[in-house]
Amino acid sequence: MTAAGATVQVVRPAGAGHETTVVLAACALILAVAGTVVSLRATRDVSQGVAAHQVDARRDLSPAEQGLYADLRVALDEIEADRGDADAVPTVAALAEWGLPPFVQDPSSARRGGHTWTLQTDGAARAYVGLSADTEVAGSLLMRVVPPGAEGAEDRHGHGTGSTADEAHGEPDVWFHRTAAAAPSALDDAGLTRAGWRQIAARFDAGVTRQRR
């Protein structure tokens, strides 16, 4: 019996549905805030494309070809240091005597295509041409060390010649041919392109930190 005038208040047990809704809403808010922060602070991965007459060093070359290209980058420093202000460039035999890959013939060079290297001349241009003995492993490569029209140029690194964009940025001027059986007769950009050679372009995404020193 309830005393007269007494107030009775019924307290119902809390339901799980309301609490679950609150928790889910809080989680959604946290995820939305976190996603916004990450999107604002993340570095966008931007890739630079290559021209029609070029191949990408990372995406279009096989591991063996990438190794040969890396060797040529190192060899170029030695070649330029030996040249100084002289017009002449070292012979292939001299580079082999220095032990510089890929010009030295050893088991490693045989496994990477067995290239035969020659020094080609076309007017003022000089280039080392490596013809592959096994194109299934690696194609042929060509590295110009004196670009066409170098005589009278502002300097010997491509500045003022307008020959290639890579030269202007200090990159090696290396060309690639998948099935070349003979050295090209012309070493200018147009002549190489007509003969099926394509310039190797080293393009790096924003997240790549390795740089040539």
N, C-alpha and C. Protein backbone atom coordinates (compact mmCIF):
# COMPACT_ATOMS: atom_id res chain seq x y z
N MET A 1 0.84 -1.17 0.00
CA MET A 1 0.00 0.00 0.00
C MET A 1 0.89 1.24 0.00
N THR A 2 0.42 2.23 -0.74
CA THR A 2 1.17 3.48 -0.81
C THR A 2 0.49 4.52 0.04
N ALA A 3 1.32 5.17 0.82
CA ALA A 3 0.74 6.17 1.72
C ALA A 3 0.09 7.27 0.91
N ALA A 4 -0.96 7.81 1.47
CA ALA A 4 -1.68 8.86 0.76
C ALA A 4 -0.78 10.06 0.55
N GLY A 5 -0.84 10.62 -0.67
CA GLY A 5 -0.04 11.80 -1.01
C GLY A 5 1.39 11.50 -1.40
N ALA A 6 1.84 10.27 -1.34
CA ALA A 6 3.22 9.93 -1.70
C ALA A 6 3.37 9.92 -3.22
N THR A 7 4.56 10.33 -3.71
CA THR A 7 4.86 10.34 -5.15
C THR A 7 5.70 9.13 -5.49
N VAL A 8 5.27 8.45 -6.48
CA VAL A 8 5.99 7.25 -6.92
C VAL A 8 6.67 7.55 -8.26
N GLN A 9 8.01 7.39 -8.33
CA GLN A 9 8.77 7.61 -9.57
C GLN A 9 9.39 6.30 -10.02
N VAL A 10 9.04 5.92 -11.19
CA VAL A 10 9.54 4.65 -11.73
C VAL A 10 10.81 4.93 -12.55
N VAL A 11 11.90 4.34 -12.17
CA VAL A 11 13.18 4.48 -12.88
C VAL A 11 13.42 3.23 -13.71
N ARG A 12 13.39 3.44 -14.99
CA ARG A 12 13.60 2.30 -15.87
C ARG A 12 15.10 2.09 -16.12
N PRO A 13 15.51 0.85 -16.28
CA PRO A 13 16.94 0.59 -16.56
C PRO A 13 17.35 1.19 -17.90
N ALA A 14 18.59 1.72 -17.90
CA ALA A 14 19.10 2.34 -19.12
C ALA A 14 19.18 1.32 -20.24
N GLY A 15 18.77 1.71 -21.41
CA GLY A 15 18.82 0.80 -22.55
C GLY A 15 20.18 0.87 -23.28
N ALA A 16 20.60 -0.22 -23.87
CA ALA A 16 21.90 -0.27 -24.57
C ALA A 16 21.87 0.46 -25.90
N GLY A 17 20.70 0.61 -26.49
CA GLY A 17 20.61 1.24 -27.80
C GLY A 17 21.09 2.67 -27.81
N HIS A 18 20.72 3.44 -26.82
CA HIS A 18 21.13 4.84 -26.77
C HIS A 18 22.64 4.98 -26.59
N GLU A 19 23.21 4.18 -25.70
CA GLU A 19 24.65 4.25 -25.47
C GLU A 19 25.44 3.84 -26.71
N THR A 20 24.94 2.82 -27.41
CA THR A 20 25.62 2.37 -28.64
C THR A 20 25.64 3.46 -29.70
N THR A 21 24.54 4.17 -29.81
CA THR A 21 24.45 5.26 -30.79
C THR A 21 25.47 6.35 -30.49
N VAL A 22 25.59 6.68 -29.19
CA VAL A 22 26.54 7.72 -28.79
C VAL A 22 27.98 7.29 -29.09
N VAL A 23 28.31 6.04 -28.80
CA VAL A 23 29.67 5.54 -29.04
C VAL A 23 30.00 5.53 -30.53
N LEU A 24 29.04 5.08 -31.36
CA LEU A 24 29.28 5.05 -32.80
C LEU A 24 29.44 6.45 -33.37
N ALA A 25 28.67 7.38 -32.87
CA ALA A 25 28.79 8.76 -33.32
C ALA A 25 30.15 9.33 -32.97
N ALA A 26 30.64 9.03 -31.76
CA ALA A 26 31.96 9.51 -31.34
C ALA A 26 33.07 8.91 -32.20
N CYS A 27 32.95 7.61 -32.52
CA CYS A 27 33.95 6.95 -33.37
C CYS A 27 33.97 7.57 -34.77
N ALA A 28 32.78 7.82 -35.32
CA ALA A 28 32.71 8.43 -36.64
C ALA A 28 33.34 9.81 -36.66
N LEU A 29 33.12 10.58 -35.58
CA LEU A 29 33.71 11.90 -35.50
C LEU A 29 35.23 11.83 -35.44
N ILE A 30 35.75 10.89 -34.65
CA ILE A 30 37.21 10.73 -34.53
C ILE A 30 37.82 10.34 -35.87
N LEU A 31 37.19 9.39 -36.57
CA LEU A 31 37.71 8.96 -37.87
C LEU A 31 37.68 10.10 -38.89
N ALA A 32 36.61 10.89 -38.85
CA ALA A 32 36.52 12.00 -39.79
C ALA A 32 37.60 13.03 -39.55
N VAL A 33 37.86 13.35 -38.28
CA VAL A 33 38.90 14.31 -37.94
C VAL A 33 40.27 13.77 -38.33
N ALA A 34 40.53 12.48 -38.01
CA ALA A 34 41.82 11.87 -38.34
C ALA A 34 42.05 11.84 -39.84
N GLY A 35 41.02 11.49 -40.60
CA GLY A 35 41.16 11.45 -42.05
C GLY A 35 41.46 12.81 -42.64
N THR A 36 40.83 13.84 -42.09
CA THR A 36 41.09 15.20 -42.57
C THR A 36 42.52 15.62 -42.30
N VAL A 37 43.01 15.32 -41.10
CA VAL A 37 44.38 15.69 -40.74
C VAL A 37 45.39 14.97 -41.63
N VAL A 38 45.16 13.67 -41.84
CA VAL A 38 46.09 12.90 -42.67
C VAL A 38 46.10 13.42 -44.10
N SER A 39 44.94 13.71 -44.66
CA SER A 39 44.87 14.19 -46.03
C SER A 39 45.54 15.55 -46.20
N LEU A 40 45.49 16.38 -45.15
CA LEU A 40 46.12 17.69 -45.23
C LEU A 40 47.63 17.63 -45.09
N ARG A 41 48.11 16.65 -44.31
CA ARG A 41 49.53 16.60 -44.01
C ARG A 41 50.29 15.61 -44.89
N ALA A 42 49.60 14.75 -45.59
CA ALA A 42 50.27 13.74 -46.41
C ALA A 42 50.92 14.40 -47.62
N THR A 43 52.06 13.86 -48.05
CA THR A 43 52.76 14.34 -49.25
C THR A 43 52.18 13.65 -50.46
N ARG A 44 51.70 14.43 -51.37
CA ARG A 44 51.10 13.86 -52.56
C ARG A 44 52.17 13.25 -53.44
N ASP A 45 51.90 12.02 -53.92
CA ASP A 45 52.85 11.29 -54.76
C ASP A 45 52.65 11.72 -56.20
N VAL A 46 53.53 12.60 -56.66
CA VAL A 46 53.40 13.15 -58.00
C VAL A 46 54.50 12.57 -58.89
N SER A 47 54.14 11.97 -59.98
CA SER A 47 55.10 11.38 -60.90
C SER A 47 55.24 12.26 -62.12
N GLN A 48 56.47 12.41 -62.57
CA GLN A 48 56.72 13.16 -63.79
C GLN A 48 56.74 12.18 -64.95
N GLY A 49 56.05 12.55 -66.01
CA GLY A 49 56.01 11.70 -67.18
C GLY A 49 57.27 11.86 -68.00
N VAL A 50 57.40 11.02 -69.03
CA VAL A 50 58.54 11.10 -69.92
C VAL A 50 58.04 11.40 -71.31
N ALA A 51 58.90 11.98 -72.14
CA ALA A 51 58.55 12.32 -73.51
C ALA A 51 58.45 11.07 -74.37
N ALA A 52 57.92 11.25 -75.58
CA ALA A 52 57.70 10.11 -76.46
C ALA A 52 59.01 9.45 -76.87
N HIS A 53 60.12 10.21 -76.91
CA HIS A 53 61.40 9.64 -77.33
C HIS A 53 62.22 9.12 -76.15
N GLN A 54 61.59 9.01 -74.97
CA GLN A 54 62.31 8.61 -73.77
C GLN A 54 61.73 7.34 -73.15
N VAL A 55 62.53 6.73 -72.29
CA VAL A 55 62.07 5.62 -71.46
C VAL A 55 62.37 5.97 -70.01
N ASP A 56 61.56 5.48 -69.10
CA ASP A 56 61.74 5.75 -67.69
C ASP A 56 62.75 4.77 -67.10
N ALA A 57 63.73 5.29 -66.39
CA ALA A 57 64.81 4.45 -65.87
C ALA A 57 64.30 3.42 -64.87
N ARG A 58 63.27 3.76 -64.11
CA ARG A 58 62.79 2.83 -63.09
C ARG A 58 61.73 1.87 -63.59
N ARG A 59 60.88 2.33 -64.52
CA ARG A 59 59.73 1.53 -64.91
C ARG A 59 59.92 0.76 -66.22
N ASP A 60 60.79 1.24 -67.10
CA ASP A 60 60.90 0.65 -68.44
C ASP A 60 62.16 -0.18 -68.65
N LEU A 61 63.06 -0.21 -67.68
CA LEU A 61 64.29 -0.98 -67.82
C LEU A 61 64.27 -2.22 -66.94
N SER A 62 64.91 -3.28 -67.44
CA SER A 62 65.04 -4.50 -66.64
C SER A 62 66.08 -4.28 -65.54
N PRO A 63 66.15 -5.17 -64.54
CA PRO A 63 67.17 -5.02 -63.49
C PRO A 63 68.59 -4.94 -64.06
N ALA A 64 68.89 -5.74 -65.07
CA ALA A 64 70.23 -5.70 -65.67
C ALA A 64 70.49 -4.36 -66.33
N GLU A 65 69.48 -3.84 -67.02
CA GLU A 65 69.63 -2.55 -67.69
C GLU A 65 69.75 -1.41 -66.68
N GLN A 66 69.03 -1.50 -65.58
CA GLN A 66 69.16 -0.50 -64.54
C GLN A 66 70.56 -0.51 -63.93
N GLY A 67 71.13 -1.71 -63.77
CA GLY A 67 72.49 -1.81 -63.25
C GLY A 67 73.50 -1.20 -64.20
N LEU A 68 73.33 -1.45 -65.49
CA LEU A 68 74.23 -0.86 -66.49
C LEU A 68 74.11 0.66 -66.50
N TYR A 69 72.90 1.15 -66.39
CA TYR A 69 72.68 2.59 -66.37
C TYR A 69 73.34 3.22 -65.14
N ALA A 70 73.24 2.55 -64.00
CA ALA A 70 73.89 3.05 -62.79
C ALA A 70 75.40 3.06 -62.94
N ASP A 71 75.96 2.03 -63.58
CA ASP A 71 77.40 2.00 -63.82
C ASP A 71 77.85 3.15 -64.72
N LEU A 72 77.05 3.45 -65.73
CA LEU A 72 77.39 4.55 -66.64
C LEU A 72 77.36 5.89 -65.93
N ARG A 73 76.46 6.05 -64.98
CA ARG A 73 76.40 7.29 -64.22
C ARG A 73 77.70 7.50 -63.43
N VAL A 74 78.19 6.41 -62.85
CA VAL A 74 79.44 6.49 -62.08
C VAL A 74 80.63 6.71 -63.02
N ALA A 75 80.64 5.97 -64.14
CA ALA A 75 81.74 6.08 -65.09
C ALA A 75 81.83 7.48 -65.68
N LEU A 76 80.70 8.14 -65.85
CA LEU A 76 80.71 9.48 -66.43
C LEU A 76 81.52 10.45 -65.57
N ASP A 77 81.41 10.32 -64.26
CA ASP A 77 82.19 11.19 -63.38
C ASP A 77 83.69 11.00 -63.60
N GLU A 78 84.11 9.74 -63.74
CA GLU A 78 85.52 9.45 -63.97
C GLU A 78 85.97 9.96 -65.34
N ILE A 79 85.11 9.81 -66.34
CA ILE A 79 85.45 10.26 -67.69
C ILE A 79 85.61 11.77 -67.71
N GLU A 80 84.68 12.49 -67.10
CA GLU A 80 84.74 13.94 -67.07
C GLU A 80 85.95 14.44 -66.28
N ALA A 81 86.27 13.74 -65.18
CA ALA A 81 87.42 14.14 -64.38
C ALA A 81 88.72 13.95 -65.17
N ASP A 82 88.78 12.88 -65.97
CA ASP A 82 89.99 12.62 -66.75
C ASP A 82 90.11 13.59 -67.92
N ARG A 83 88.98 14.00 -68.49
CA ARG A 83 89.00 14.91 -69.63
C ARG A 83 89.52 16.28 -69.24
N GLY A 84 89.02 16.79 -68.13
CA GLY A 84 89.35 18.16 -67.78
C GLY A 84 88.84 19.11 -68.84
N ASP A 85 89.72 19.94 -69.38
CA ASP A 85 89.36 20.87 -70.44
C ASP A 85 89.75 20.36 -71.82
N ALA A 86 90.22 19.11 -71.89
CA ALA A 86 90.66 18.56 -73.17
C ALA A 86 89.46 18.12 -74.00
N ASP A 87 89.64 18.09 -75.33
CA ASP A 87 88.58 17.64 -76.22
C ASP A 87 88.50 16.12 -76.28
N ALA A 88 89.63 15.45 -76.09
CA ALA A 88 89.66 14.00 -76.20
C ALA A 88 88.97 13.35 -75.00
N VAL A 89 88.45 12.15 -75.24
CA VAL A 89 87.84 11.37 -74.17
C VAL A 89 88.60 10.05 -74.08
N PRO A 90 88.58 9.39 -72.93
CA PRO A 90 89.30 8.13 -72.78
C PRO A 90 88.77 7.06 -73.75
N THR A 91 89.65 6.21 -74.19
CA THR A 91 89.24 5.10 -75.04
C THR A 91 88.54 4.04 -74.20
N VAL A 92 87.85 3.15 -74.87
CA VAL A 92 87.20 2.04 -74.17
C VAL A 92 88.25 1.17 -73.48
N ALA A 93 89.40 0.96 -74.14
CA ALA A 93 90.47 0.16 -73.54
C ALA A 93 90.97 0.81 -72.26
N ALA A 94 91.09 2.14 -72.27
CA ALA A 94 91.54 2.84 -71.07
C ALA A 94 90.55 2.68 -69.93
N LEU A 95 89.26 2.79 -70.23
CA LEU A 95 88.23 2.63 -69.20
C LEU A 95 88.25 1.21 -68.64
N ALA A 96 88.50 0.24 -69.50
CA ALA A 96 88.59 -1.15 -69.03
C ALA A 96 89.80 -1.35 -68.14
N GLU A 97 90.92 -0.70 -68.48
CA GLU A 97 92.11 -0.79 -67.64
C GLU A 97 91.88 -0.15 -66.28
N TRP A 98 91.05 0.87 -66.23
CA TRP A 98 90.73 1.50 -64.95
C TRP A 98 89.82 0.60 -64.09
N GLY A 99 89.30 -0.45 -64.72
CA GLY A 99 88.40 -1.35 -63.99
C GLY A 99 87.00 -0.79 -63.84
N LEU A 100 86.60 0.11 -64.74
CA LEU A 100 85.29 0.74 -64.64
C LEU A 100 84.22 -0.11 -65.33
N PRO A 101 83.24 -0.59 -64.58
CA PRO A 101 82.11 -1.21 -65.25
C PRO A 101 81.24 -0.11 -65.88
N PRO A 102 80.57 -0.38 -66.97
CA PRO A 102 80.41 -1.69 -67.62
C PRO A 102 81.44 -1.97 -68.71
N PHE A 103 82.52 -1.17 -68.77
CA PHE A 103 83.49 -1.31 -69.85
C PHE A 103 84.46 -2.48 -69.63
N VAL A 104 84.71 -2.82 -68.38
CA VAL A 104 85.59 -3.94 -68.11
C VAL A 104 84.84 -5.24 -68.37
N GLN A 105 85.52 -6.19 -69.00
CA GLN A 105 84.91 -7.47 -69.31
C GLN A 105 85.18 -8.45 -68.18
N ASP A 106 84.13 -8.85 -67.50
CA ASP A 106 84.26 -9.80 -66.39
C ASP A 106 83.00 -10.65 -66.35
N PRO A 107 82.93 -11.63 -65.43
CA PRO A 107 81.73 -12.48 -65.36
C PRO A 107 80.44 -11.69 -65.17
N SER A 108 80.53 -10.58 -64.46
CA SER A 108 79.32 -9.77 -64.24
C SER A 108 78.81 -9.17 -65.53
N SER A 109 79.72 -8.68 -66.37
CA SER A 109 79.29 -8.09 -67.64
C SER A 109 78.68 -9.14 -68.56
N ALA A 110 79.19 -10.37 -68.50
CA ALA A 110 78.63 -11.44 -69.31
C ALA A 110 77.22 -11.78 -68.87
N ARG A 111 76.97 -11.75 -67.57
CA ARG A 111 75.63 -12.05 -67.06
C ARG A 111 74.63 -10.95 -67.37
N ARG A 112 75.11 -9.76 -67.67
CA ARG A 112 74.21 -8.63 -67.91
C ARG A 112 74.09 -8.27 -69.39
N GLY A 113 74.36 -9.23 -70.24
CA GLY A 113 74.15 -9.01 -71.67
C GLY A 113 75.39 -9.10 -72.52
N GLY A 114 76.58 -9.13 -71.91
CA GLY A 114 77.82 -9.27 -72.68
C GLY A 114 78.01 -8.18 -73.71
N HIS A 115 77.89 -6.92 -73.29
CA HIS A 115 77.96 -5.79 -74.21
C HIS A 115 79.38 -5.60 -74.77
N THR A 116 79.44 -5.24 -76.04
CA THR A 116 80.68 -4.87 -76.69
C THR A 116 80.69 -3.35 -76.85
N TRP A 117 81.67 -2.69 -76.22
CA TRP A 117 81.70 -1.23 -76.18
C TRP A 117 82.67 -0.66 -77.20
N THR A 118 82.24 0.38 -77.88
CA THR A 118 83.08 1.11 -78.82
C THR A 118 82.88 2.60 -78.61
N LEU A 119 83.87 3.38 -78.99
CA LEU A 119 83.77 4.83 -78.92
C LEU A 119 83.44 5.35 -80.31
N GLN A 120 82.26 5.97 -80.46
CA GLN A 120 81.79 6.45 -81.74
C GLN A 120 81.98 7.96 -81.85
N THR A 121 82.21 8.43 -83.08
CA THR A 121 82.40 9.85 -83.35
C THR A 121 81.47 10.27 -84.47
N ASP A 122 80.84 11.41 -84.30
CA ASP A 122 79.98 11.99 -85.33
C ASP A 122 80.16 13.50 -85.28
N GLY A 123 81.12 14.00 -86.08
CA GLY A 123 81.45 15.41 -86.01
C GLY A 123 82.03 15.74 -84.66
N ALA A 124 81.40 16.68 -83.94
CA ALA A 124 81.88 17.05 -82.62
C ALA A 124 81.40 16.10 -81.53
N ALA A 125 80.43 15.26 -81.85
CA ALA A 125 79.84 14.38 -80.85
C ALA A 125 80.72 13.16 -80.58
N ARG A 126 80.73 12.73 -79.32
CA ARG A 126 81.43 11.51 -78.91
C ARG A 126 80.46 10.70 -78.05
N ALA A 127 80.46 9.39 -78.28
CA ALA A 127 79.55 8.55 -77.51
C ALA A 127 80.14 7.15 -77.35
N TYR A 128 79.90 6.57 -76.19
CA TYR A 128 80.26 5.18 -75.94
C TYR A 128 79.02 4.33 -76.24
N VAL A 129 79.18 3.36 -77.15
CA VAL A 129 78.06 2.53 -77.56
C VAL A 129 78.33 1.10 -77.11
N GLY A 130 77.39 0.54 -76.37
CA GLY A 130 77.50 -0.84 -75.91
C GLY A 130 76.42 -1.69 -76.55
N LEU A 131 76.81 -2.54 -77.51
CA LEU A 131 75.86 -3.40 -78.19
C LEU A 131 75.72 -4.71 -77.42
N SER A 132 74.50 -5.09 -77.16
CA SER A 132 74.23 -6.27 -76.34
C SER A 132 74.38 -7.55 -77.15
N ALA A 133 74.95 -8.56 -76.51
CA ALA A 133 75.05 -9.89 -77.12
C ALA A 133 73.85 -10.75 -76.76
N ASP A 134 73.05 -10.31 -75.80
CA ASP A 134 71.87 -11.05 -75.37
C ASP A 134 70.77 -10.04 -75.03
N THR A 135 69.97 -9.69 -76.02
CA THR A 135 68.93 -8.68 -75.82
C THR A 135 67.80 -9.16 -74.94
N GLU A 136 67.73 -10.48 -74.68
CA GLU A 136 66.72 -10.98 -73.75
C GLU A 136 67.05 -10.56 -72.32
N VAL A 137 68.34 -10.37 -72.06
CA VAL A 137 68.78 -9.96 -70.72
C VAL A 137 68.81 -8.44 -70.61
N ALA A 138 69.42 -7.79 -71.60
CA ALA A 138 69.55 -6.33 -71.59
C ALA A 138 69.70 -5.82 -73.01
N GLY A 139 69.12 -4.67 -73.27
CA GLY A 139 69.27 -4.05 -74.57
C GLY A 139 70.59 -3.31 -74.68
N SER A 140 70.78 -2.64 -75.79
CA SER A 140 72.01 -1.89 -76.03
C SER A 140 71.88 -0.49 -75.42
N LEU A 141 73.03 0.07 -75.04
CA LEU A 141 73.05 1.41 -74.44
C LEU A 141 74.08 2.29 -75.13
N LEU A 142 73.83 3.58 -75.08
CA LEU A 142 74.73 4.57 -75.67
C LEU A 142 74.81 5.76 -74.73
N MET A 143 76.03 6.19 -74.41
CA MET A 143 76.21 7.36 -73.56
C MET A 143 77.02 8.42 -74.29
N ARG A 144 76.39 9.56 -74.55
CA ARG A 144 77.11 10.68 -75.16
C ARG A 144 77.88 11.43 -74.08
N VAL A 145 79.15 11.67 -74.34
CA VAL A 145 79.97 12.44 -73.41
C VAL A 145 80.31 13.81 -73.97
N VAL A 146 80.22 13.97 -75.27
CA VAL A 146 80.32 15.28 -75.92
C VAL A 146 79.12 15.38 -76.83
N PRO A 147 78.16 16.24 -76.51
CA PRO A 147 76.94 16.31 -77.31
C PRO A 147 77.19 16.95 -78.66
N PRO A 148 76.31 16.72 -79.63
CA PRO A 148 76.45 17.39 -80.93
C PRO A 148 76.43 18.90 -80.76
N GLY A 149 77.28 19.60 -81.54
CA GLY A 149 77.31 21.05 -81.45
C GLY A 149 78.03 21.55 -80.23
N ALA A 150 78.89 20.71 -79.60
CA ALA A 150 79.58 21.13 -78.39
C ALA A 150 80.62 22.19 -78.66
N GLU A 151 81.16 22.22 -79.89
CA GLU A 151 82.17 23.22 -80.21
C GLU A 151 81.55 24.62 -80.17
N GLY A 152 82.15 25.48 -79.38
CA GLY A 152 81.63 26.83 -79.24
C GLY A 152 80.52 26.94 -78.23
N ALA A 153 80.21 25.83 -77.55
CA ALA A 153 79.14 25.88 -76.56
C ALA A 153 79.63 26.61 -75.33
N GLU A 154 78.67 26.97 -74.48
CA GLU A 154 79.02 27.73 -73.28
C GLU A 154 79.90 26.92 -72.35
N ASP A 155 79.58 25.62 -72.19
CA ASP A 155 80.44 24.74 -71.42
C ASP A 155 80.23 23.32 -71.90
N ARG A 156 80.88 22.35 -71.23
CA ARG A 156 80.87 20.98 -71.70
C ARG A 156 79.82 20.11 -71.03
N HIS A 157 78.89 20.68 -70.31
CA HIS A 157 77.88 19.91 -69.62
C HIS A 157 76.50 20.13 -70.23
N GLY A 158 76.45 20.62 -71.46
CA GLY A 158 75.18 20.76 -72.13
C GLY A 158 74.60 22.15 -72.00
N HIS A 159 75.10 23.02 -71.10
CA HIS A 159 74.56 24.35 -70.95
C HIS A 159 74.90 25.18 -72.18
N GLY A 160 73.90 25.79 -72.77
CA GLY A 160 74.13 26.62 -73.93
C GLY A 160 74.03 25.87 -75.24
N THR A 161 74.09 24.52 -75.24
CA THR A 161 73.98 23.77 -76.47
C THR A 161 72.54 23.50 -76.83
N GLY A 162 71.68 23.38 -75.80
CA GLY A 162 70.28 23.10 -76.06
C GLY A 162 70.04 21.71 -76.59
N SER A 163 70.97 20.78 -76.38
CA SER A 163 70.83 19.45 -76.95
C SER A 163 69.80 18.62 -76.22
N THR A 164 69.86 18.57 -74.88
CA THR A 164 68.89 17.80 -74.11
C THR A 164 68.63 18.49 -72.80
N ALA A 165 67.44 18.21 -72.26
CA ALA A 165 67.10 18.79 -70.96
C ALA A 165 67.90 18.14 -69.85
N ASP A 166 68.19 16.84 -69.99
CA ASP A 166 68.92 16.15 -68.93
C ASP A 166 70.32 16.70 -68.78
N GLU A 167 70.99 17.05 -69.89
CA GLU A 167 72.33 17.59 -69.80
C GLU A 167 72.32 18.88 -69.01
N ALA A 168 71.30 19.69 -69.21
CA ALA A 168 71.22 20.97 -68.52
C ALA A 168 71.06 20.79 -67.03
N HIS A 169 70.55 19.64 -66.62
CA HIS A 169 70.37 19.37 -65.20
C HIS A 169 71.47 18.46 -64.65
N GLY A 170 72.53 18.24 -65.42
CA GLY A 170 73.65 17.46 -64.92
C GLY A 170 73.44 15.97 -64.96
N GLU A 171 72.40 15.49 -65.65
CA GLU A 171 72.15 14.06 -65.74
C GLU A 171 72.94 13.47 -66.92
N PRO A 172 73.33 12.19 -66.83
CA PRO A 172 74.04 11.57 -67.95
C PRO A 172 73.13 11.46 -69.17
N ASP A 173 73.72 11.60 -70.33
CA ASP A 173 72.97 11.55 -71.58
C ASP A 173 73.07 10.13 -72.14
N VAL A 174 72.19 9.25 -71.66
CA VAL A 174 72.24 7.83 -72.01
C VAL A 174 71.01 7.46 -72.81
N TRP A 175 71.22 6.68 -73.88
CA TRP A 175 70.14 6.24 -74.76
C TRP A 175 70.07 4.72 -74.75
N PHE A 176 68.89 4.20 -75.11
CA PHE A 176 68.61 2.77 -74.99
C PHE A 176 67.95 2.25 -76.26
N HIS A 177 68.35 1.04 -76.65
CA HIS A 177 67.73 0.37 -77.80
C HIS A 177 67.57 -1.10 -77.45
N ARG A 178 66.35 -1.61 -77.61
CA ARG A 178 66.09 -2.99 -77.21
C ARG A 178 66.78 -4.00 -78.10
N THR A 179 66.88 -3.72 -79.41
CA THR A 179 67.37 -4.75 -80.34
C THR A 179 68.44 -4.25 -81.30
N ALA A 180 69.16 -3.20 -80.96
CA ALA A 180 70.15 -2.65 -81.89
C ALA A 180 71.24 -3.67 -82.20
N ALA A 181 71.52 -3.82 -83.50
CA ALA A 181 72.57 -4.74 -83.93
C ALA A 181 73.82 -4.03 -84.40
N ALA A 182 73.73 -2.71 -84.55
CA ALA A 182 74.88 -1.92 -85.01
C ALA A 182 74.83 -0.55 -84.36
N ALA A 183 76.00 0.08 -84.27
CA ALA A 183 76.07 1.43 -83.70
C ALA A 183 75.40 2.42 -84.64
N PRO A 184 74.77 3.44 -84.13
CA PRO A 184 74.11 4.43 -84.99
C PRO A 184 75.13 5.26 -85.75
N SER A 185 74.75 5.72 -86.93
CA SER A 185 75.64 6.54 -87.73
C SER A 185 75.59 8.00 -87.32
N ALA A 186 74.48 8.44 -86.77
CA ALA A 186 74.31 9.82 -86.34
C ALA A 186 74.09 9.84 -84.83
N LEU A 187 74.72 10.80 -84.15
CA LEU A 187 74.64 10.86 -82.70
C LEU A 187 73.80 12.03 -82.19
N ASP A 188 73.16 12.76 -83.10
CA ASP A 188 72.28 13.83 -82.64
C ASP A 188 70.94 13.24 -82.20
N ASP A 189 70.13 14.04 -81.50
CA ASP A 189 68.86 13.54 -80.98
C ASP A 189 67.96 12.98 -82.09
N ALA A 190 67.84 13.72 -83.18
CA ALA A 190 66.96 13.30 -84.27
C ALA A 190 67.44 12.01 -84.90
N GLY A 191 68.77 11.91 -85.11
CA GLY A 191 69.31 10.71 -85.73
C GLY A 191 69.14 9.48 -84.86
N LEU A 192 69.36 9.63 -83.57
CA LEU A 192 69.19 8.50 -82.66
C LEU A 192 67.73 8.08 -82.60
N THR A 193 66.83 9.04 -82.55
CA THR A 193 65.41 8.72 -82.48
C THR A 193 64.95 8.00 -83.73
N ARG A 194 65.40 8.45 -84.90
CA ARG A 194 65.04 7.78 -86.16
C ARG A 194 65.54 6.34 -86.19
N ALA A 195 66.70 6.09 -85.58
CA ALA A 195 67.28 4.75 -85.57
C ALA A 195 66.67 3.86 -84.50
N GLY A 196 65.69 4.38 -83.74
CA GLY A 196 65.02 3.56 -82.75
C GLY A 196 65.57 3.67 -81.34
N TRP A 197 66.55 4.55 -81.13
CA TRP A 197 67.09 4.75 -79.80
C TRP A 197 66.18 5.67 -79.00
N ARG A 198 66.10 5.44 -77.70
CA ARG A 198 65.27 6.27 -76.83
C ARG A 198 66.10 6.70 -75.63
N GLN A 199 65.98 7.95 -75.29
CA GLN A 199 66.78 8.49 -74.18
C GLN A 199 66.24 8.01 -72.84
N ILE A 200 67.15 7.63 -71.94
CA ILE A 200 66.76 7.20 -70.61
C ILE A 200 66.57 8.43 -69.73
N ALA A 201 65.39 8.53 -69.15
CA ALA A 201 65.07 9.66 -68.28
C ALA A 201 64.95 9.16 -66.85
N ALA A 202 65.69 9.78 -65.95
CA ALA A 202 65.61 9.44 -64.52
C ALA A 202 64.60 10.35 -63.88
N ARG A 203 63.38 9.87 -63.72
CA ARG A 203 62.31 10.64 -63.10
C ARG A 203 61.99 10.03 -61.75
N PHE A 204 61.95 10.85 -60.71
CA PHE A 204 61.70 10.35 -59.36
C PHE A 204 60.43 10.97 -58.80
N ASP A 205 59.63 10.14 -58.10
CA ASP A 205 58.45 10.64 -57.42
C ASP A 205 58.85 11.48 -56.24
N ALA A 206 57.87 12.20 -55.68
CA ALA A 206 58.16 13.10 -54.56
C ALA A 206 58.67 12.34 -53.35
N GLY A 207 58.28 11.06 -53.22
CA GLY A 207 58.70 10.31 -52.05
C GLY A 207 60.08 9.70 -52.16
N VAL A 208 60.69 9.79 -53.34
CA VAL A 208 62.02 9.21 -53.53
C VAL A 208 63.05 10.23 -53.08
N THR A 209 63.92 9.82 -52.16
CA THR A 209 64.90 10.76 -51.60
C THR A 209 66.30 10.54 -52.12
N ARG A 210 66.52 9.44 -52.85
CA ARG A 210 67.86 9.17 -53.36
C ARG A 210 68.19 10.20 -54.43
N GLN A 211 69.34 10.80 -54.34
CA GLN A 211 69.78 11.79 -55.29
C GLN A 211 71.22 11.50 -55.70
N ARG A 212 71.54 11.93 -56.92
CA ARG A 212 72.93 11.76 -57.38
C ARG A 212 73.76 12.85 -56.77
N ARG A 213 74.88 12.49 -56.19
CA ARG A 213 75.78 13.45 -55.55
C ARG A 213 77.06 13.55 -56.35
